[in-house]
Amino acid sequence: MMALFSSVSLGWHNLNFPDFSIEEGEFAFILGPSGCGKTTLLKLLNGVLSAERGELLCKSIPVQQWDPLELRRQVLLAGQQVYLEPGTIADNFASFYAYRGLPGPSDTEMRMYLDICCASFALDTTVCEQLSGGERQRIFLAVTLSFASPVIMLDEPTSALDRAVGERLLRQLREHCRERGRTALIVSHDLYLAEMFADKTIALG
């Protein structure tokens, strides 16, 4: 397999990261305690932040040489902050696609991604009035996943879920990524979930 990402002596501010390599198609976990740089590493990988030390490559090309917009289309980050608008679930899918100048997904496609993310609500459900914070997080994840980027990075996607739902979400997400040849990077503090699902772990802190 081709190395999708690789790093040597990578650092940003007071954070130093272990050398690592992530292969295409892997379902990888980034683990560590709060404040160790897990979210920062995701932002370095898709070019939101620029490394101050060391080398970070994407497909053997230094990340800083990539066109920033193209890199973020290829390496899509779903952070912990949920960005949804008032309106229905279908409205939110349509809005995100309109921002990119793309036709919206079909009802069948929307339901498929909602099912993967354990968010099997009716498409006319209003996101602000009818859903909890954890449910909105899963809707946002489903929208992000639907763009079918080669790499998807998820920051604590199970933090608001109970253990059973978290396991089901990660199992379904891993199956989807393997079927589609997508690479996933999951930030988590849950060693149990990493041991259950990770092809590779990157331990920080």
C-alpha atoms as a PDB file:
ATOM      1  CA  MET A   1       0.000   0.000   0.000  1.00  0.00           C
ATOM      2  CA  MET A   2       1.014   3.561  -0.646  1.00  0.00           C
ATOM      3  CA  ALA A   3       1.803   5.801   2.333  1.00  0.00           C
ATOM      4  CA  LEU A   4      -0.937   8.386   2.405  1.00  0.00           C
ATOM      5  CA  PHE A   5       0.620  10.428   5.211  1.00  0.00           C
ATOM      6  CA  SER A   6       4.064  10.250   6.769  1.00  0.00           C
ATOM      7  CA  SER A   7       5.910  12.496   9.183  1.00  0.00           C
ATOM      8  CA  VAL A   8       9.379  13.033  10.603  1.00  0.00           C
ATOM      9  CA  SER A   9      10.074  15.164  13.714  1.00  0.00           C
ATOM     10  CA  LEU A  10       6.750  16.984  13.309  1.00  0.00           C
ATOM     11  CA  GLY A  11       6.094  19.849  15.725  1.00  0.00           C
ATOM     12  CA  TRP A  12       3.777  22.799  16.261  1.00  0.00           C
ATOM     13  CA  HIS A  13       4.221  25.321  19.098  1.00  0.00           C
ATOM     14  CA  ASN A  14       5.059  23.273  22.205  1.00  0.00           C
ATOM     15  CA  LEU A  15       3.747  19.998  20.727  1.00  0.00           C
ATOM     16  CA  ASN A  16       6.010  17.314  19.302  1.00  0.00           C
ATOM     17  CA  PHE A  17       4.457  14.376  17.487  1.00  0.00           C
ATOM     18  CA  PRO A  18       5.836  10.840  17.075  1.00  0.00           C
ATOM     19  CA  ASP A  19       6.922   9.842  13.584  1.00  0.00           C
ATOM     20  CA  PHE A  20       4.107   7.969  11.856  1.00  0.00           C
ATOM     21  CA  SER A  21       2.873   6.602   8.556  1.00  0.00           C
ATOM     22  CA  ILE A  22      -0.759   6.098   7.546  1.00  0.00           C
ATOM     23  CA  GLU A  23      -1.506   3.892   4.560  1.00  0.00           C
ATOM     24  CA  GLU A  24      -4.331   4.369   2.090  1.00  0.00           C
ATOM     25  CA  GLY A  25      -7.451   2.521   3.194  1.00  0.00           C
ATOM     26  CA  GLU A  26      -6.503   2.263   6.860  1.00  0.00           C
ATOM     27  CA  PHE A  27      -8.942   2.869   9.709  1.00  0.00           C
ATOM     28  CA  ALA A  28      -6.569   4.585  12.123  1.00  0.00           C
ATOM     29  CA  PHE A  29      -7.042   5.973  15.624  1.00  0.00           C
ATOM     30  CA  ILE A  30      -5.221   8.918  17.221  1.00  0.00           C
ATOM     31  CA  LEU A  31      -5.160   8.387  20.984  1.00  0.00           C
ATOM     32  CA  GLY A  32      -4.042  10.411  23.975  1.00  0.00           C
ATOM     33  CA  PRO A  33      -5.146  12.503  26.953  1.00  0.00           C
ATOM     34  CA  SER A  34      -6.740  15.934  26.707  1.00  0.00           C
ATOM     35  CA  GLY A  35      -4.322  18.633  25.580  1.00  0.00           C
ATOM     36  CA  CYS A  36      -1.815  16.283  23.946  1.00  0.00           C
ATOM     37  CA  GLY A  37      -2.453  17.610  20.413  1.00  0.00           C
ATOM     38  CA  LYS A  38      -4.928  15.172  18.851  1.00  0.00           C
ATOM     39  CA  THR A  39      -7.102  17.847  17.245  1.00  0.00           C
ATOM     40  CA  THR A  40      -4.021  19.874  16.298  1.00  0.00           C
ATOM     41  CA  LEU A  41      -2.649  16.877  14.419  1.00  0.00           C
ATOM     42  CA  LEU A  42      -5.850  16.604  12.369  1.00  0.00           C
ATOM     43  CA  LYS A  43      -5.571  20.279  11.457  1.00  0.00           C
ATOM     44  CA  LEU A  44      -1.953  19.783  10.390  1.00  0.00           C
ATOM     45  CA  LEU A  45      -2.964  16.841   8.200  1.00  0.00           C
ATOM     46  CA  ASN A  46      -5.493  18.840   6.174  1.00  0.00           C
ATOM     47  CA  GLY A  47      -3.513  22.076   6.118  1.00  0.00           C
ATOM     48  CA  VAL A  48      -5.640  24.181   8.471  1.00  0.00           C
ATOM     49  CA  LEU A  49      -2.440  24.596  10.515  1.00  0.00           C
ATOM     50  CA  SER A  50       1.135  24.611   9.225  1.00  0.00           C
ATOM     51  CA  ALA A  51       3.853  22.661  11.002  1.00  0.00           C
ATOM     52  CA  GLU A  52       6.624  24.734  12.553  1.00  0.00           C
ATOM     53  CA  ARG A  53       9.126  21.858  12.676  1.00  0.00           C
ATOM     54  CA  GLY A  54       9.798  18.662  10.810  1.00  0.00           C
ATOM     55  CA  GLU A  55       8.253  17.212   7.673  1.00  0.00           C
ATOM     56  CA  LEU A  56       4.702  16.122   6.875  1.00  0.00           C
ATOM     57  CA  LEU A  57       3.974  14.446   3.540  1.00  0.00           C
ATOM     58  CA  CYS A  58       0.698  13.626   1.827  1.00  0.00           C
ATOM     59  CA  LYS A  59       1.161  11.125  -0.996  1.00  0.00           C
ATOM     60  CA  SER A  60       4.918  11.843  -0.857  1.00  0.00           C
ATOM     61  CA  ILE A  61       4.346  15.591  -1.395  1.00  0.00           C
ATOM     62  CA  PRO A  62       4.946  18.110   1.430  1.00  0.00           C
ATOM     63  CA  VAL A  63       1.572  19.251   2.736  1.00  0.00           C
ATOM     64  CA  GLN A  64       2.518  22.925   2.285  1.00  0.00           C
ATOM     65  CA  GLN A  65       2.923  22.312  -1.470  1.00  0.00           C
ATOM     66  CA  TRP A  66      -0.679  21.180  -1.880  1.00  0.00           C
ATOM     67  CA  ASP A  67      -3.339  23.645  -2.953  1.00  0.00           C
ATOM     68  CA  PRO A  68      -5.135  24.230   0.384  1.00  0.00           C
ATOM     69  CA  LEU A  69      -8.649  23.888  -1.011  1.00  0.00           C
ATOM     70  CA  GLU A  70      -7.791  20.727  -2.916  1.00  0.00           C
ATOM     71  CA  LEU A  71      -6.159  19.197   0.172  1.00  0.00           C
ATOM     72  CA  ARG A  72      -9.271  19.910   2.264  1.00  0.00           C
ATOM     73  CA  ARG A  73     -11.488  18.366  -0.409  1.00  0.00           C
ATOM     74  CA  GLN A  74      -9.324  15.251  -0.319  1.00  0.00           C
ATOM     75  CA  VAL A  75      -8.893  15.204   3.476  1.00  0.00           C
ATOM     76  CA  LEU A  76     -12.188  16.219   5.045  1.00  0.00           C
ATOM     77  CA  LEU A  77     -12.402  17.031   8.754  1.00  0.00           C
ATOM     78  CA  ALA A  78     -15.552  16.679  10.852  1.00  0.00           C
ATOM     79  CA  GLY A  79     -14.666  18.459  14.078  1.00  0.00           C
ATOM     80  CA  GLN A  80     -16.395  18.395  17.436  1.00  0.00           C
ATOM     81  CA  GLN A  81     -18.225  21.649  16.670  1.00  0.00           C
ATOM     82  CA  VAL A  82     -21.483  20.930  14.872  1.00  0.00           C
ATOM     83  CA  TYR A  83     -22.431  23.263  12.000  1.00  0.00           C
ATOM     84  CA  LEU A  84     -26.105  22.859  11.177  1.00  0.00           C
ATOM     85  CA  GLU A  85     -28.695  25.430  10.164  1.00  0.00           C
ATOM     86  CA  PRO A  86     -32.318  25.807  11.281  1.00  0.00           C
ATOM     87  CA  GLY A  87     -34.540  23.651   9.110  1.00  0.00           C
ATOM     88  CA  THR A  88     -34.879  19.992   8.305  1.00  0.00           C
ATOM     89  CA  ILE A  89     -32.240  17.330   7.841  1.00  0.00           C
ATOM     90  CA  ALA A  90     -32.867  17.455   4.086  1.00  0.00           C
ATOM     91  CA  ASP A  91     -32.482  21.238   4.143  1.00  0.00           C
ATOM     92  CA  ASN A  92     -29.080  20.903   5.770  1.00  0.00           C
ATOM     93  CA  PHE A  93     -27.814  18.395   3.223  1.00  0.00           C
ATOM     94  CA  ALA A  94     -29.001  20.740   0.458  1.00  0.00           C
ATOM     95  CA  SER A  95     -27.321  23.773   2.042  1.00  0.00           C
ATOM     96  CA  PHE A  96     -23.934  22.089   2.432  1.00  0.00           C
ATOM     97  CA  TYR A  97     -24.017  20.928  -1.185  1.00  0.00           C
ATOM     98  CA  ALA A  98     -25.129  24.362  -2.414  1.00  0.00           C
ATOM     99  CA  TYR A  99     -22.095  25.933  -0.672  1.00  0.00           C
ATOM    100  CA  ARG A 100     -19.921  23.729  -2.880  1.00  0.00           C
ATOM    101  CA  GLY A 101     -21.932  24.361  -6.009  1.00  0.00           C
ATOM    102  CA  LEU A 102     -23.004  20.713  -6.159  1.00  0.00           C
ATOM    103  CA  PRO A 103     -26.398  19.107  -6.720  1.00  0.00           C
ATOM    104  CA  GLY A 104     -27.763  17.658  -3.508  1.00  0.00           C
ATOM    105  CA  PRO A 105     -27.830  13.913  -2.832  1.00  0.00           C
ATOM    106  CA  SER A 106     -30.963  11.871  -3.444  1.00  0.00           C
ATOM    107  CA  ASP A 107     -33.280  10.875  -0.614  1.00  0.00           C
ATOM    108  CA  THR A 108     -31.892   7.335  -0.869  1.00  0.00           C
ATOM    109  CA  GLU A 109     -28.307   8.579  -0.518  1.00  0.00           C
ATOM    110  CA  MET A 110     -29.170  10.795   2.438  1.00  0.00           C
ATOM    111  CA  ARG A 111     -30.883   7.914   4.217  1.00  0.00           C
ATOM    112  CA  MET A 112     -27.898   5.653   3.554  1.00  0.00           C
ATOM    113  CA  TYR A 113     -25.436   8.043   5.201  1.00  0.00           C
ATOM    114  CA  LEU A 114     -27.825   8.725   8.077  1.00  0.00           C
ATOM    115  CA  ASP A 115     -28.127   4.976   8.670  1.00  0.00           C
ATOM    116  CA  ILE A 116     -24.334   4.542   8.690  1.00  0.00           C
ATOM    117  CA  CYS A 117     -24.092   7.274  11.327  1.00  0.00           C
ATOM    118  CA  CYS A 118     -26.855   5.816  13.535  1.00  0.00           C
ATOM    119  CA  ALA A 119     -29.096   8.774  12.713  1.00  0.00           C
ATOM    120  CA  SER A 120     -32.039   7.134  10.977  1.00  0.00           C
ATOM    121  CA  PHE A 121     -34.418  10.060  11.352  1.00  0.00           C
ATOM    122  CA  ALA A 122     -37.006  11.179   8.812  1.00  0.00           C
ATOM    123  CA  LEU A 123     -35.589  13.679   6.338  1.00  0.00           C
ATOM    124  CA  ASP A 124     -38.201  16.251   7.334  1.00  0.00           C
ATOM    125  CA  THR A 125     -37.066  16.185  10.980  1.00  0.00           C
ATOM    126  CA  THR A 126     -36.130  19.702  12.135  1.00  0.00           C
ATOM    127  CA  VAL A 127     -32.611  19.581  13.505  1.00  0.00           C
ATOM    128  CA  CYS A 128     -32.827  22.310  16.152  1.00  0.00           C
ATOM    129  CA  GLU A 129     -36.322  21.712  17.522  1.00  0.00           C
ATOM    130  CA  GLN A 130     -36.462  17.915  17.549  1.00  0.00           C
ATOM    131  CA  LEU A 131     -32.923  16.594  18.039  1.00  0.00           C
ATOM    132  CA  SER A 132     -30.490  16.468  20.944  1.00  0.00           C
ATOM    133  CA  GLY A 133     -26.878  17.617  20.745  1.00  0.00           C
ATOM    134  CA  GLY A 134     -25.611  14.069  20.211  1.00  0.00           C
ATOM    135  CA  GLU A 135     -28.191  13.474  17.489  1.00  0.00           C
ATOM    136  CA  ARG A 136     -27.211  16.695  15.712  1.00  0.00           C
ATOM    137  CA  GLN A 137     -23.572  15.590  15.884  1.00  0.00           C
ATOM    138  CA  ARG A 138     -24.492  12.393  14.028  1.00  0.00           C
ATOM    139  CA  ILE A 139     -26.448  14.352  11.402  1.00  0.00           C
ATOM    140  CA  PHE A 140     -23.411  16.571  10.824  1.00  0.00           C
ATOM    141  CA  LEU A 141     -21.216  13.473  10.530  1.00  0.00           C
ATOM    142  CA  ALA A 142     -23.603  11.969   7.978  1.00  0.00           C
ATOM    143  CA  VAL A 143     -23.502  15.137   5.873  1.00  0.00           C
ATOM    144  CA  THR A 144     -19.693  15.190   6.024  1.00  0.00           C
ATOM    145  CA  LEU A 145     -19.420  11.506   5.145  1.00  0.00           C
ATOM    146  CA  SER A 146     -21.729  11.959   2.152  1.00  0.00           C
ATOM    147  CA  PHE A 147     -19.149  14.064   0.288  1.00  0.00           C
ATOM    148  CA  ALA A 148     -17.197  10.840  -0.268  1.00  0.00           C
ATOM    149  CA  SER A 149     -13.744  12.359   0.208  1.00  0.00           C
ATOM    150  CA  PRO A 150     -10.883   9.844  -0.034  1.00  0.00           C
ATOM    151  CA  VAL A 151      -9.923  10.643   3.579  1.00  0.00           C
ATOM    152  CA  ILE A 152     -12.286  11.483   6.414  1.00  0.00           C
ATOM    153  CA  MET A 153     -11.043  12.652   9.814  1.00  0.00           C
ATOM    154  CA  LEU A 154     -13.397  12.542  12.797  1.00  0.00           C
ATOM    155  CA  ASP A 155     -12.726  14.314  16.083  1.00  0.00           C
ATOM    156  CA  GLU A 156     -14.250  12.351  18.994  1.00  0.00           C
ATOM    157  CA  PRO A 157     -17.255  11.076  16.989  1.00  0.00           C
ATOM    158  CA  THR A 158     -18.485   8.867  19.854  1.00  0.00           C
ATOM    159  CA  SER A 159     -18.025  11.331  22.726  1.00  0.00           C
ATOM    160  CA  ALA A 160     -21.775  11.998  23.088  1.00  0.00           C
ATOM    161  CA  LEU A 161     -22.856   8.387  22.521  1.00  0.00           C
ATOM    162  CA  ASP A 162     -23.355   5.449  24.848  1.00  0.00           C
ATOM    163  CA  ARG A 163     -21.060   2.468  24.349  1.00  0.00           C
ATOM    164  CA  ALA A 164     -23.471   0.376  22.272  1.00  0.00           C
ATOM    165  CA  VAL A 165     -24.312   3.157  19.809  1.00  0.00           C
ATOM    166  CA  GLY A 166     -20.659   4.212  19.591  1.00  0.00           C
ATOM    167  CA  GLU A 167     -19.603   0.681  18.716  1.00  0.00           C
ATOM    168  CA  ARG A 168     -22.348   0.364  16.089  1.00  0.00           C
ATOM    169  CA  LEU A 169     -21.399   3.685  14.494  1.00  0.00           C
ATOM    170  CA  LEU A 170     -17.709   2.778  14.240  1.00  0.00           C
ATOM    171  CA  ARG A 171     -18.459  -0.721  12.965  1.00  0.00           C
ATOM    172  CA  GLN A 172     -20.706   0.643  10.223  1.00  0.00           C
ATOM    173  CA  LEU A 173     -18.274   3.427   9.379  1.00  0.00           C
ATOM    174  CA  ARG A 174     -15.384   0.969   9.085  1.00  0.00           C
ATOM    175  CA  GLU A 175     -17.433  -1.310   6.821  1.00  0.00           C
ATOM    176  CA  HIS A 176     -18.345   1.658   4.615  1.00  0.00           C
ATOM    177  CA  CYS A 177     -14.727   2.831   4.359  1.00  0.00           C
ATOM    178  CA  ARG A 178     -13.487  -0.644   3.476  1.00  0.00           C
ATOM    179  CA  GLU A 179     -16.150  -1.077   0.814  1.00  0.00           C
ATOM    180  CA  ARG A 180     -15.315   2.315  -0.742  1.00  0.00           C
ATOM    181  CA  GLY A 181     -11.527   2.273  -0.226  1.00  0.00           C
ATOM    182  CA  ARG A 182     -11.662   5.362   2.003  1.00  0.00           C
ATOM    183  CA  THR A 183      -9.141   6.170   4.708  1.00  0.00           C
ATOM    184  CA  ALA A 184     -10.407   7.201   8.149  1.00  0.00           C
ATOM    185  CA  LEU A 185      -8.597   8.875  11.049  1.00  0.00           C
ATOM    186  CA  ILE A 186     -10.491   8.832  14.331  1.00  0.00           C
ATOM    187  CA  VAL A 187      -9.495  10.968  17.303  1.00  0.00           C
ATOM    188  CA  SER A 188     -10.488   9.267  20.538  1.00  0.00           C
ATOM    189  CA  HIS A 189      -9.519   8.882  24.170  1.00  0.00           C
ATOM    190  CA  ASP A 190     -11.201   5.437  24.290  1.00  0.00           C
ATOM    191  CA  LEU A 191      -8.602   2.670  24.186  1.00  0.00           C
ATOM    192  CA  TYR A 192     -11.337   0.017  24.216  1.00  0.00           C
ATOM    193  CA  LEU A 193     -12.798   1.275  20.923  1.00  0.00           C
ATOM    194  CA  ALA A 194      -9.350   1.586  19.361  1.00  0.00           C
ATOM    195  CA  GLU A 195      -8.504  -1.997  20.269  1.00  0.00           C
ATOM    196  CA  MET A 196     -11.787  -3.139  18.757  1.00  0.00           C
ATOM    197  CA  PHE A 197     -11.697  -1.225  15.468  1.00  0.00           C
ATOM    198  CA  ALA A 198      -8.286   0.305  14.655  1.00  0.00           C
ATOM    199  CA  ASP A 199      -6.009  -0.986  11.909  1.00  0.00           C
ATOM    200  CA  LYS A 200      -3.353   1.329  13.372  1.00  0.00           C
ATOM    201  CA  THR A 201      -3.028   3.612  16.379  1.00  0.00           C
ATOM    202  CA  ILE A 202      -0.983   6.775  16.822  1.00  0.00           C
ATOM    203  CA  ALA A 203      -0.418   7.415  20.531  1.00  0.00           C
ATOM    204  CA  LEU A 204       0.195  11.004  21.615  1.00  0.00           C
ATOM    205  CA  GLY A 205       1.206  12.376  24.981  1.00  0.00           C
END
